[in-house]
Amino acid sequence: MQMSPLPPELQQGPFSVRRARLAGVGAGTLAAKRLERPFRGVRSVSPLDTLRGRAEALALLLPDSAWFSHTTALGLWGLPLPGRLSTATADLHVGVAASGRPRHPGVVAHRMPGDAAHVAGIGGLAVLDPVRAWARSVDLLSLDELVVVGDAVAGRWSPDPRAHEIPVSLLEEAEEALAGRRGVARLRESLALIRPGVWSPRGTRAVRRRGVARHLRQRRRPVGAPRSGAPRPLAEAGGVMSTYFVGLRHKVLAVVGTTCVESPSQSSKRLDSEVPMATIHDVADAAGVSISTVSYALSGKRSIASSTRQRITEAVDRLGYRPNAGARMLAGSRTNIIALSAPSRPDAHQPTQMRFVTAVVEAARLRDYDVLLLATDDEVSGIRRVATSRLVDGVVAMGVTTVDERVDLVRELDLPVGFIGIPRDAADLACVDLDFEGAARQSAEALAAAGHRVVGVIGHPGSFLERDTGFIRRFDDAWTAAAADLGLETRIVPADLRRASAQRAFDELREALPSMSALVLHCSEPTAEAVLQRIRQLGLEIPRDLSVLAACASYPTDEFEPPLDTIPLPIDEMCARAVDAAFAAIDGERAQGVDYIAPVLISRGSIAAPATPPMTA
């Protein structure tokens, strides 16, 4: 039987047999063993090894009145699921408003007419909203798993902003909607344990292990009663640290939108009122010794019998005791806390921001330090308050601008600091960053060496330049100079995180540079994805029609189709070196000067000699 090639539009993802036949694909091609068959009547060139991939395949067969529900919906919202429910082999759950349930292997259909008004669109898929999906999943998730998802819905875990910081009251409404149905008791129990300030599944499980669940269950209010015990808005609470994250061996204390930071004693009282934390009295009772003996054992100021020290150590580990920071301050010793100044910007790509935060926290954990996250628009007041209250031993600063107000402040306070980024006049400061100038030159030289003479650049949002974000200025200036030296015709067009903005930027480059044969992506991951989608829409092929290089990429480019040549942004290394610099300063080894990390170009086959004639479409 004659084999015919698949049209390009059928090679990007799953497609229906009916659509393929209308496109002129023969039966022999559709019967080929090289094609995946996730469902009867659906084919795919590549394996569908993700939950979303299988959902996209099933969606081709579903009626317009159906939607994805239960744990499938939670997964599509990007909320945390246990491994058994998030793999490509997990059952797909589908809701319908009336009769005529879809019947396919590995698909579980539910008749839920009341949920039809709670369906949203995610990337072309009809998906039940996260609140209803959470409630519907009560029979599929354990109590701990329900709490993890509830914490995620009440926080900012999902990549979709529509699933961010949903009030717990809406979860309670979903609970009440299921009144009288199987599983509602477990749903009600999980509601009592949801804490919006927990930032990860590991954090949720750690809080439950440490007995917080039992404490919160005792505080459970009747459904419908006012939430008198709920945390107040931060401004009303006097600026108390709003998030207490117990995830790994370290903790992150987050200050978000703060007006002031309470004294250490006030902070510890407030946290103790919400989370039953072990005290030195508990350790002494558990070990059968006096409080002073515990203190001596932990401080090392006096010799303690090895058997006694072992009992104390075991009690500390068992109870999860951490010495009170305020007490350490009064004693004139270290707090074992560093602050991370990470200004929150509305135009920032939050997943990238959190990669920096996580890397700093991991580096601090290696030294048994906790991290106080200052995530406000005000870059100065938070540092001043925590420094003058002696709440921290030092600071790591990110989101650095060319003229950064924090520079004068840390000099004034003589505060140990490590900057992730390079402000102006940084000779006496410890600063770490990628060599963005070198990355720009290396990008230009790589494309020029391949024979390209007209190169466009998609840049970060224009608002970054308006506030003079340092790394963008350094890259852009170095790129412009290198292009001039190499005789390249070029133009830089900024784009924000919206898909339409990124695609307009690419179209603007094509109009301004008709002979453009290469493109540099110096932008965030959503922008890069949107530009690549636009390239495919125009029928262009990388690198045949257009060479593409991702410069200073904070995201893995080997997962794109096709994989892209890249100069990666070494976030983990940058953060680790900045933390090391802060600790060197804490130890009195005032490290000074700029620590540049050399750029490394990784080739993945997306750069080739320019096409003749130049790119057209």
Foldseek 3Di string as FASTA:
>chain_A
DDFDDFDPVQAPAKDFPVVRVVVPGDPVNVPDPCWDDLWVRMTYNDDQWWLVRSQVRVVNVDDPQKAWAAVSLCVLQVADDPPQCTTPQAATEMEGQDDDFDDIPSYHYDHDNPQSVQWDDDPNGTGGDLLLNLLVHLVVDDLLRSQSRLLCQLAPRGLDCVSHNDDLLSNLVSLVVCPPHPRSVSSLLSSLLHDNQEDHSQQSVVLVVLPLSVVSSVVRDPRPDDPPVDDDPCVVVQQAQRHWGDHDLATEGEGEPGPAYDFLVVNVVVVCVNGVADDLVQLCVQLVHDSVLLVCLVVVPDDDDPVSSVSSVVSCVVNVHDPRLNVCVVVVHASLEEEEQQEADPQDSVVLSVVLVVLLQVLSVVVPGYYYYYHHNDRQPVVVRCLVSNVHLAYEYEQDAQARPVVVVCVVSVGQFFYAADHPPFQQAHYEFAQLLLLLLVVLVVQVVQPFAEEEEEAAAPVCVVRRRPSRVNNVVSNVVNSVVSNHHYDYDYATLDLVRLLVSVVVSCVVGVQHAEYEYHYADSSVVSNVVSCVVVVHDFNAQYFYEYEQYQDQQVPDVNRHWYFHTPSSVSSSSRSVSSVCVSVVNSDGDYHYDYTDIDHDRRHHRAHVPHHDD
